[in-house]
């Protein structure tokens, strides 16, 4: 039943995306949402089959469509964070240049934070993706997003992406430093607490970080890890996901 739902929704949204007026039709967003929900819920083998059947190309088409880009990026972020094969399929379909173009937009654009989260997921466990994002010019715009403010969703997403990009990758650490990333990461760590973000206790429980990183500022642990990784090897281990 789940597989039927996945491929039925894929067929429906793919047919809609071939129509010249699809972007102006609210039904397109509904169909894309149904496909993304089914894709995220599907087991890895079904995701792979859907990708081969054109599912990842559908996501790339949606990324290039302003009204659909945020939903497509969130779908990629959710799928790729736990499925390296899906992440490779998304990259092969051409998602990275589209995601990097999205994070170059204004921090207030609706697709920017989802795109940063998608880059974070794609870079989580893939050396190839980390290199490709750097080579595609993705590090500098992520650094720019850190200036959106310590409580901004996009700041946490960008810090998380930079954390993963700097993991075990000297070239990315150099690029992060050259892009001026250290100063905004330090500023993020020194920002005052904010009531809407995770508590110090939750961060302490889930994240093995130095005490200074345990600010309640959104993205605090991500900032600490990104800064340590940019500075050199052997950063503190942090499984905390933002």
C-alpha atoms as a PDB file:
ATOM      1  CA  UNK A   1       0.000   0.000   0.000  1.00  0.00           C
ATOM      2  CA  UNK A   2       2.791   2.433   0.920  1.00  0.00           C
ATOM      3  CA  UNK A   3       4.629   1.650  -2.299  1.00  0.00           C
ATOM      4  CA  UNK A   4       1.449   2.207  -4.306  1.00  0.00           C
ATOM      5  CA  UNK A   5       1.001   5.574  -2.622  1.00  0.00           C
ATOM      6  CA  UNK A   6       4.591   6.551  -3.379  1.00  0.00           C
ATOM      7  CA  UNK A   7       4.448   5.736  -7.071  1.00  0.00           C
ATOM      8  CA  UNK A   8       0.917   7.053  -7.532  1.00  0.00           C
ATOM      9  CA  UNK A   9       1.918  10.402  -6.052  1.00  0.00           C
ATOM     10  CA  UNK A  10       5.130  10.422  -8.113  1.00  0.00           C
ATOM     11  CA  UNK A  11       3.181   9.836 -11.323  1.00  0.00           C
ATOM     12  CA  UNK A  12       0.672  12.545 -10.452  1.00  0.00           C
ATOM     13  CA  UNK A  13       3.214  15.222  -9.603  1.00  0.00           C
ATOM     14  CA  UNK A  14       5.447  14.353 -12.569  1.00  0.00           C
ATOM     15  CA  UNK A  15       2.506  14.714 -14.938  1.00  0.00           C
ATOM     16  CA  UNK A  16       1.631  18.040 -13.353  1.00  0.00           C
ATOM     17  CA  UNK A  17       5.187  19.331 -13.693  1.00  0.00           C
ATOM     18  CA  UNK A  18       5.115  18.694 -17.440  1.00  0.00           C
ATOM     19  CA  UNK A  19       2.249  21.156 -17.887  1.00  0.00           C
ATOM     20  CA  UNK A  20       3.165  24.698 -18.816  1.00  0.00           C
ATOM     21  CA  UNK A  21       0.938  26.232 -16.124  1.00  0.00           C
ATOM     22  CA  UNK A  22       1.871  23.912 -13.267  1.00  0.00           C
ATOM     23  CA  UNK A  23       3.591  26.577 -11.131  1.00  0.00           C
ATOM     24  CA  UNK A  24       0.445  28.699 -10.943  1.00  0.00           C
ATOM     25  CA  UNK A  25      -1.753  25.782  -9.955  1.00  0.00           C
ATOM     26  CA  UNK A  26      -2.111  25.290  -6.166  1.00  0.00           C
ATOM     27  CA  UNK A  27      -2.769  21.609  -6.793  1.00  0.00           C
ATOM     28  CA  UNK A  28       0.875  21.196  -7.789  1.00  0.00           C
ATOM     29  CA  UNK A  29       2.068  22.041  -4.279  1.00  0.00           C
ATOM     30  CA  UNK A  30      -0.442  19.578  -2.827  1.00  0.00           C
ATOM     31  CA  UNK A  31       0.738  16.805  -5.132  1.00  0.00           C
ATOM     32  CA  UNK A  32       4.390  17.574  -4.377  1.00  0.00           C
ATOM     33  CA  UNK A  33       3.665  17.484  -0.655  1.00  0.00           C
ATOM     34  CA  UNK A  34       2.003  14.081  -1.012  1.00  0.00           C
ATOM     35  CA  UNK A  35       4.959  12.714  -2.975  1.00  0.00           C
ATOM     36  CA  UNK A  36       7.500  14.113  -0.504  1.00  0.00           C
ATOM     37  CA  UNK A  37       5.600  12.671   2.444  1.00  0.00           C
ATOM     38  CA  UNK A  38       5.474   9.256   0.804  1.00  0.00           C
ATOM     39  CA  UNK A  39       9.157   9.439  -0.157  1.00  0.00           C
ATOM     40  CA  UNK A  40      10.259  10.315   3.371  1.00  0.00           C
ATOM     41  CA  UNK A  41       8.140   7.517   4.843  1.00  0.00           C
ATOM     42  CA  UNK A  42       9.243   4.900   2.314  1.00  0.00           C
ATOM     43  CA  UNK A  43      11.937   2.313   3.112  1.00  0.00           C
ATOM     44  CA  UNK A  44      15.285   2.838   1.358  1.00  0.00           C
ATOM     45  CA  UNK A  45      14.690   0.297  -1.418  1.00  0.00           C
ATOM     46  CA  UNK A  46      11.447   2.001  -2.430  1.00  0.00           C
ATOM     47  CA  UNK A  47      13.134   5.396  -2.381  1.00  0.00           C
ATOM     48  CA  UNK A  48      15.765   4.028  -4.721  1.00  0.00           C
ATOM     49  CA  UNK A  49      13.131   2.694  -7.084  1.00  0.00           C
ATOM     50  CA  UNK A  50      11.285   6.012  -7.019  1.00  0.00           C
ATOM     51  CA  UNK A  51      14.536   7.844  -7.725  1.00  0.00           C
ATOM     52  CA  UNK A  52      15.283   5.658 -10.724  1.00  0.00           C
ATOM     53  CA  UNK A  53      11.715   6.278 -11.895  1.00  0.00           C
ATOM     54  CA  UNK A  54      12.346  10.012 -11.941  1.00  0.00           C
ATOM     55  CA  UNK A  55      11.511  11.029  -8.395  1.00  0.00           C
ATOM     56  CA  UNK A  56      14.758  12.882  -7.774  1.00  0.00           C
ATOM     57  CA  UNK A  57      14.423  14.697 -11.107  1.00  0.00           C
ATOM     58  CA  UNK A  58      10.967  15.805  -9.968  1.00  0.00           C
ATOM     59  CA  UNK A  59      12.514  17.272  -6.820  1.00  0.00           C
ATOM     60  CA  UNK A  60      15.082  19.147  -8.901  1.00  0.00           C
ATOM     61  CA  UNK A  61      12.353  20.580 -11.119  1.00  0.00           C
ATOM     62  CA  UNK A  62      10.557  21.721  -7.986  1.00  0.00           C
ATOM     63  CA  UNK A  63      13.758  23.287  -6.607  1.00  0.00           C
ATOM     64  CA  UNK A  64      13.918  25.457  -9.718  1.00  0.00           C
ATOM     65  CA  UNK A  65      10.320  26.633  -9.192  1.00  0.00           C
ATOM     66  CA  UNK A  66       9.992  29.437  -6.597  1.00  0.00           C
ATOM     67  CA  UNK A  67       6.576  28.340  -5.326  1.00  0.00           C
ATOM     68  CA  UNK A  68       7.773  24.757  -4.782  1.00  0.00           C
ATOM     69  CA  UNK A  69      11.433  25.167  -3.849  1.00  0.00           C
ATOM     70  CA  UNK A  70      11.007  25.240  -0.065  1.00  0.00           C
ATOM     71  CA  UNK A  71       8.962  22.031   0.025  1.00  0.00           C
ATOM     72  CA  UNK A  72      11.378  20.226  -2.288  1.00  0.00           C
ATOM     73  CA  UNK A  73      14.392  21.311  -0.232  1.00  0.00           C
ATOM     74  CA  UNK A  74      12.766  20.151   3.002  1.00  0.00           C
ATOM     75  CA  UNK A  75      12.044  16.801   1.367  1.00  0.00           C
ATOM     76  CA  UNK A  76      15.690  16.407   0.350  1.00  0.00           C
ATOM     77  CA  UNK A  77      16.819  17.384   3.843  1.00  0.00           C
ATOM     78  CA  UNK A  78      14.582  14.737   5.406  1.00  0.00           C
ATOM     79  CA  UNK A  79      15.450  11.956   2.979  1.00  0.00           C
ATOM     80  CA  UNK A  80      19.200  12.479   2.697  1.00  0.00           C
ATOM     81  CA  UNK A  81      19.910  12.804   6.409  1.00  0.00           C
ATOM     82  CA  UNK A  82      19.525   9.055   6.969  1.00  0.00           C
ATOM     83  CA  UNK A  83      19.927   7.624   3.464  1.00  0.00           C
ATOM     84  CA  UNK A  84      23.259   8.066   1.709  1.00  0.00           C
ATOM     85  CA  UNK A  85      22.018   6.263  -1.393  1.00  0.00           C
ATOM     86  CA  UNK A  86      19.138   8.702  -1.702  1.00  0.00           C
ATOM     87  CA  UNK A  87      21.539  11.561  -1.166  1.00  0.00           C
ATOM     88  CA  UNK A  88      23.735  10.307  -3.988  1.00  0.00           C
ATOM     89  CA  UNK A  89      20.679   9.984  -6.209  1.00  0.00           C
ATOM     90  CA  UNK A  90      19.608  13.542  -5.462  1.00  0.00           C
ATOM     91  CA  UNK A  91      23.090  14.811  -6.269  1.00  0.00           C
ATOM     92  CA  UNK A  92      23.201  12.825  -9.504  1.00  0.00           C
ATOM     93  CA  UNK A  93      19.899  14.393 -10.521  1.00  0.00           C
ATOM     94  CA  UNK A  94      21.499  17.846 -10.289  1.00  0.00           C
ATOM     95  CA  UNK A  95      20.237  19.153  -6.961  1.00  0.00           C
ATOM     96  CA  UNK A  96      23.453  20.703  -5.613  1.00  0.00           C
ATOM     97  CA  UNK A  97      23.696  23.721  -7.981  1.00  0.00           C
ATOM     98  CA  UNK A  98      20.022  24.448  -7.374  1.00  0.00           C
ATOM     99  CA  UNK A  99      20.393  24.265  -3.595  1.00  0.00           C
ATOM    100  CA  UNK A 100      23.501  26.453  -3.662  1.00  0.00           C
ATOM    101  CA  UNK A 101      21.638  29.009  -5.783  1.00  0.00           C
ATOM    102  CA  UNK A 102      18.852  29.050  -3.195  1.00  0.00           C
ATOM    103  CA  UNK A 103      21.187  29.766  -0.256  1.00  0.00           C
ATOM    104  CA  UNK A 104      22.541  32.722  -2.206  1.00  0.00           C
ATOM    105  CA  UNK A 105      19.157  34.428  -1.899  1.00  0.00           C
ATOM    106  CA  UNK A 106      18.096  36.808   0.861  1.00  0.00           C
ATOM    107  CA  UNK A 107      18.046  35.108   4.277  1.00  0.00           C
ATOM    108  CA  UNK A 108      14.363  35.980   4.473  1.00  0.00           C
ATOM    109  CA  UNK A 109      13.423  34.080   1.316  1.00  0.00           C
ATOM    110  CA  UNK A 110      11.252  31.070   2.261  1.00  0.00           C
ATOM    111  CA  UNK A 111      13.427  28.451   0.552  1.00  0.00           C
ATOM    112  CA  UNK A 112      16.777  29.539   2.003  1.00  0.00           C
ATOM    113  CA  UNK A 113      16.644  27.766   5.379  1.00  0.00           C
ATOM    114  CA  UNK A 114      15.264  24.546   3.848  1.00  0.00           C
ATOM    115  CA  UNK A 115      18.020  24.647   1.225  1.00  0.00           C
ATOM    116  CA  UNK A 116      20.668  25.071   3.922  1.00  0.00           C
ATOM    117  CA  UNK A 117      19.186  22.108   5.786  1.00  0.00           C
ATOM    118  CA  UNK A 118      19.289  20.065   2.603  1.00  0.00           C
ATOM    119  CA  UNK A 119      22.975  20.893   2.125  1.00  0.00           C
ATOM    120  CA  UNK A 120      23.568  19.980   5.773  1.00  0.00           C
ATOM    121  CA  UNK A 121      21.968  16.565   5.238  1.00  0.00           C
ATOM    122  CA  UNK A 122      23.778  15.897   1.973  1.00  0.00           C
ATOM    123  CA  UNK A 123      27.130  16.743   3.576  1.00  0.00           C
ATOM    124  CA  UNK A 124      26.507  14.716   6.732  1.00  0.00           C
ATOM    125  CA  UNK A 125      28.209  11.483   5.706  1.00  0.00           C
ATOM    126  CA  UNK A 126      29.532  12.026   2.193  1.00  0.00           C
ATOM    127  CA  UNK A 127      33.035  13.221   1.378  1.00  0.00           C
ATOM    128  CA  UNK A 128      31.987  13.523  -2.259  1.00  0.00           C
ATOM    129  CA  UNK A 129      29.103  15.829  -1.367  1.00  0.00           C
ATOM    130  CA  UNK A 130      31.321  17.966   0.890  1.00  0.00           C
ATOM    131  CA  UNK A 131      33.794  18.471  -1.909  1.00  0.00           C
ATOM    132  CA  UNK A 132      31.075  19.124  -4.476  1.00  0.00           C
ATOM    133  CA  UNK A 133      29.413  21.778  -2.321  1.00  0.00           C
ATOM    134  CA  UNK A 134      32.735  23.575  -1.853  1.00  0.00           C
ATOM    135  CA  UNK A 135      33.571  23.332  -5.555  1.00  0.00           C
ATOM    136  CA  UNK A 136      30.110  24.643  -6.381  1.00  0.00           C
ATOM    137  CA  UNK A 137      30.669  27.769  -4.285  1.00  0.00           C
ATOM    138  CA  UNK A 138      28.388  26.772  -1.429  1.00  0.00           C
ATOM    139  CA  UNK A 139      30.521  27.658   1.584  1.00  0.00           C
ATOM    140  CA  UNK A 140      30.676  31.448   1.224  1.00  0.00           C
ATOM    141  CA  UNK A 141      26.885  31.967   0.988  1.00  0.00           C
ATOM    142  CA  UNK A 142      26.370  29.726   4.015  1.00  0.00           C
ATOM    143  CA  UNK A 143      28.798  31.920   5.939  1.00  0.00           C
ATOM    144  CA  UNK A 144      26.814  34.982   4.852  1.00  0.00           C
ATOM    145  CA  UNK A 145      23.645  33.454   6.273  1.00  0.00           C
ATOM    146  CA  UNK A 146      25.203  33.382   9.747  1.00  0.00           C
ATOM    147  CA  UNK A 147      24.612  37.148   9.900  1.00  0.00           C
ATOM    148  CA  UNK A 148      20.827  36.677   9.849  1.00  0.00           C
ATOM    149  CA  UNK A 149      20.789  36.727  13.654  1.00  0.00           C
ATOM    150  CA  UNK A 150      21.288  34.192  16.444  1.00  0.00           C
ATOM    151  CA  UNK A 151      17.599  33.318  16.740  1.00  0.00           C
ATOM    152  CA  UNK A 152      16.932  32.957  13.022  1.00  0.00           C
ATOM    153  CA  UNK A 153      16.091  29.530  11.674  1.00  0.00           C
ATOM    154  CA  UNK A 154      18.369  30.129   8.708  1.00  0.00           C
ATOM    155  CA  UNK A 155      21.333  30.797  11.014  1.00  0.00           C
ATOM    156  CA  UNK A 156      20.985  27.417  12.706  1.00  0.00           C
ATOM    157  CA  UNK A 157      20.597  25.699   9.339  1.00  0.00           C
ATOM    158  CA  UNK A 158      23.697  27.395   7.927  1.00  0.00           C
ATOM    159  CA  UNK A 159      25.777  26.635  11.036  1.00  0.00           C
ATOM    160  CA  UNK A 160      24.735  22.998  10.824  1.00  0.00           C
ATOM    161  CA  UNK A 161      25.686  22.823   7.159  1.00  0.00           C
ATOM    162  CA  UNK A 162      29.088  24.371   7.849  1.00  0.00           C
ATOM    163  CA  UNK A 163      29.630  21.943  10.724  1.00  0.00           C
ATOM    164  CA  UNK A 164      29.129  18.981   8.417  1.00  0.00           C
ATOM    165  CA  UNK A 165      31.123  20.500   5.578  1.00  0.00           C
ATOM    166  CA  UNK A 166      34.135  21.014   7.846  1.00  0.00           C
ATOM    167  CA  UNK A 167      34.082  17.440   9.112  1.00  0.00           C
ATOM    168  CA  UNK A 168      37.292  15.610   8.150  1.00  0.00           C
ATOM    169  CA  UNK A 169      37.832  17.967   5.216  1.00  0.00           C
ATOM    170  CA  UNK A 170      40.861  20.268   5.297  1.00  0.00           C
ATOM    171  CA  UNK A 171      39.953  21.983   2.019  1.00  0.00           C
ATOM    172  CA  UNK A 172      36.539  22.931   3.394  1.00  0.00           C
ATOM    173  CA  UNK A 173      38.059  24.155   6.652  1.00  0.00           C
ATOM    174  CA  UNK A 174      40.369  26.397   4.652  1.00  0.00           C
ATOM    175  CA  UNK A 175      37.441  27.641   2.549  1.00  0.00           C
ATOM    176  CA  UNK A 176      35.417  28.359   5.692  1.00  0.00           C
ATOM    177  CA  UNK A 177      38.241  30.431   7.168  1.00  0.00           C
ATOM    178  CA  UNK A 178      38.879  32.226   3.876  1.00  0.00           C
ATOM    179  CA  UNK A 179      35.179  33.090   3.615  1.00  0.00           C
ATOM    180  CA  UNK A 180      35.406  34.838   6.989  1.00  0.00           C
ATOM    181  CA  UNK A 181      33.408  32.219   8.849  1.00  0.00           C
ATOM    182  CA  UNK A 182      35.240  32.258  12.179  1.00  0.00           C
ATOM    183  CA  UNK A 183      34.113  35.709  13.348  1.00  0.00           C
ATOM    184  CA  UNK A 184      30.365  35.165  12.817  1.00  0.00           C
ATOM    185  CA  UNK A 185      30.585  31.747  14.458  1.00  0.00           C
ATOM    186  CA  UNK A 186      32.231  33.300  17.516  1.00  0.00           C
ATOM    187  CA  UNK A 187      29.570  36.022  17.532  1.00  0.00           C
ATOM    188  CA  UNK A 188      26.870  33.370  17.376  1.00  0.00           C
ATOM    189  CA  UNK A 189      28.327  31.623  20.417  1.00  0.00           C
ATOM    190  CA  UNK A 190      28.382  34.896  22.348  1.00  0.00           C
ATOM    191  CA  UNK A 191      24.801  35.858  21.485  1.00  0.00           C
ATOM    192  CA  UNK A 192      22.271  36.146  24.344  1.00  0.00           C
ATOM    193  CA  UNK A 193      19.797  33.351  25.089  1.00  0.00           C
ATOM    194  CA  UNK A 194      16.415  33.209  23.410  1.00  0.00           C
ATOM    195  CA  UNK A 195      13.252  31.682  24.840  1.00  0.00           C
ATOM    196  CA  UNK A 196      12.203  29.861  21.677  1.00  0.00           C
ATOM    197  CA  UNK A 197      15.209  27.594  21.333  1.00  0.00           C
ATOM    198  CA  UNK A 198      16.204  24.365  23.080  1.00  0.00           C
ATOM    199  CA  UNK A 199      17.071  24.581  26.748  1.00  0.00           C
ATOM    200  CA  UNK A 200      20.577  24.293  28.143  1.00  0.00           C
ATOM    201  CA  UNK A 201      19.600  21.026  29.794  1.00  0.00           C
ATOM    202  CA  UNK A 202      18.491  19.446  26.495  1.00  0.00           C
ATOM    203  CA  UNK A 203      21.669  20.572  24.798  1.00  0.00           C
ATOM    204  CA  UNK A 204      23.795  19.257  27.661  1.00  0.00           C
ATOM    205  CA  UNK A 205      22.040  15.909  27.555  1.00  0.00           C
ATOM    206  CA  UNK A 206      22.367  15.430  23.812  1.00  0.00           C
ATOM    207  CA  UNK A 207      25.599  17.199  22.944  1.00  0.00           C
ATOM    208  CA  UNK A 208      29.123  16.645  24.252  1.00  0.00           C
ATOM    209  CA  UNK A 209      30.417  20.194  23.813  1.00  0.00           C
ATOM    210  CA  UNK A 210      32.485  22.609  25.919  1.00  0.00           C
ATOM    211  CA  UNK A 211      30.308  24.620  28.356  1.00  0.00           C
ATOM    212  CA  UNK A 212      30.581  27.813  26.329  1.00  0.00           C
ATOM    213  CA  UNK A 213      28.788  26.066  23.466  1.00  0.00           C
ATOM    214  CA  UNK A 214      25.783  25.325  25.629  1.00  0.00           C
ATOM    215  CA  UNK A 215      24.125  28.648  25.002  1.00  0.00           C
ATOM    216  CA  UNK A 216      20.416  28.490  24.382  1.00  0.00           C
ATOM    217  CA  UNK A 217      20.996  30.415  21.187  1.00  0.00           C
ATOM    218  CA  UNK A 218      19.654  28.549  18.192  1.00  0.00           C
ATOM    219  CA  UNK A 219      22.526  26.896  16.368  1.00  0.00           C
ATOM    220  CA  UNK A 220      24.920  27.232  19.311  1.00  0.00           C
ATOM    221  CA  UNK A 221      26.344  23.715  19.205  1.00  0.00           C
ATOM    222  CA  UNK A 222      26.490  23.795  15.425  1.00  0.00           C
ATOM    223  CA  UNK A 223      28.470  27.010  15.625  1.00  0.00           C
ATOM    224  CA  UNK A 224      30.893  25.535  18.155  1.00  0.00           C
ATOM    225  CA  UNK A 225      31.449  22.442  16.046  1.00  0.00           C
ATOM    226  CA  UNK A 226      31.866  24.385  12.820  1.00  0.00           C
ATOM    227  CA  UNK A 227      34.382  26.685  14.466  1.00  0.00           C
ATOM    228  CA  UNK A 228      36.384  23.807  15.952  1.00  0.00           C
ATOM    229  CA  UNK A 229      36.401  21.958  12.655  1.00  0.00           C
ATOM    230  CA  UNK A 230      37.561  25.059  10.802  1.00  0.00           C
ATOM    231  CA  UNK A 231      40.344  25.517  13.342  1.00  0.00           C
ATOM    232  CA  UNK A 232      41.761  22.025  12.979  1.00  0.00           C
ATOM    233  CA  UNK A 233      41.342  18.302  13.610  1.00  0.00           C
ATOM    234  CA  UNK A 234      39.748  16.471  16.516  1.00  0.00           C
ATOM    235  CA  UNK A 235      36.763  18.692  17.365  1.00  0.00           C
ATOM    236  CA  UNK A 236      34.458  17.673  20.206  1.00  0.00           C
ATOM    237  CA  UNK A 237      32.008  14.977  19.186  1.00  0.00           C
ATOM    238  CA  UNK A 238      28.504  16.376  18.722  1.00  0.00           C
ATOM    239  CA  UNK A 239      25.528  14.362  17.475  1.00  0.00           C
ATOM    240  CA  UNK A 240      23.164  17.278  18.129  1.00  0.00           C
ATOM    241  CA  UNK A 241      21.085  17.982  15.015  1.00  0.00           C
ATOM    242  CA  UNK A 242      19.691  21.422  14.261  1.00  0.00           C
END
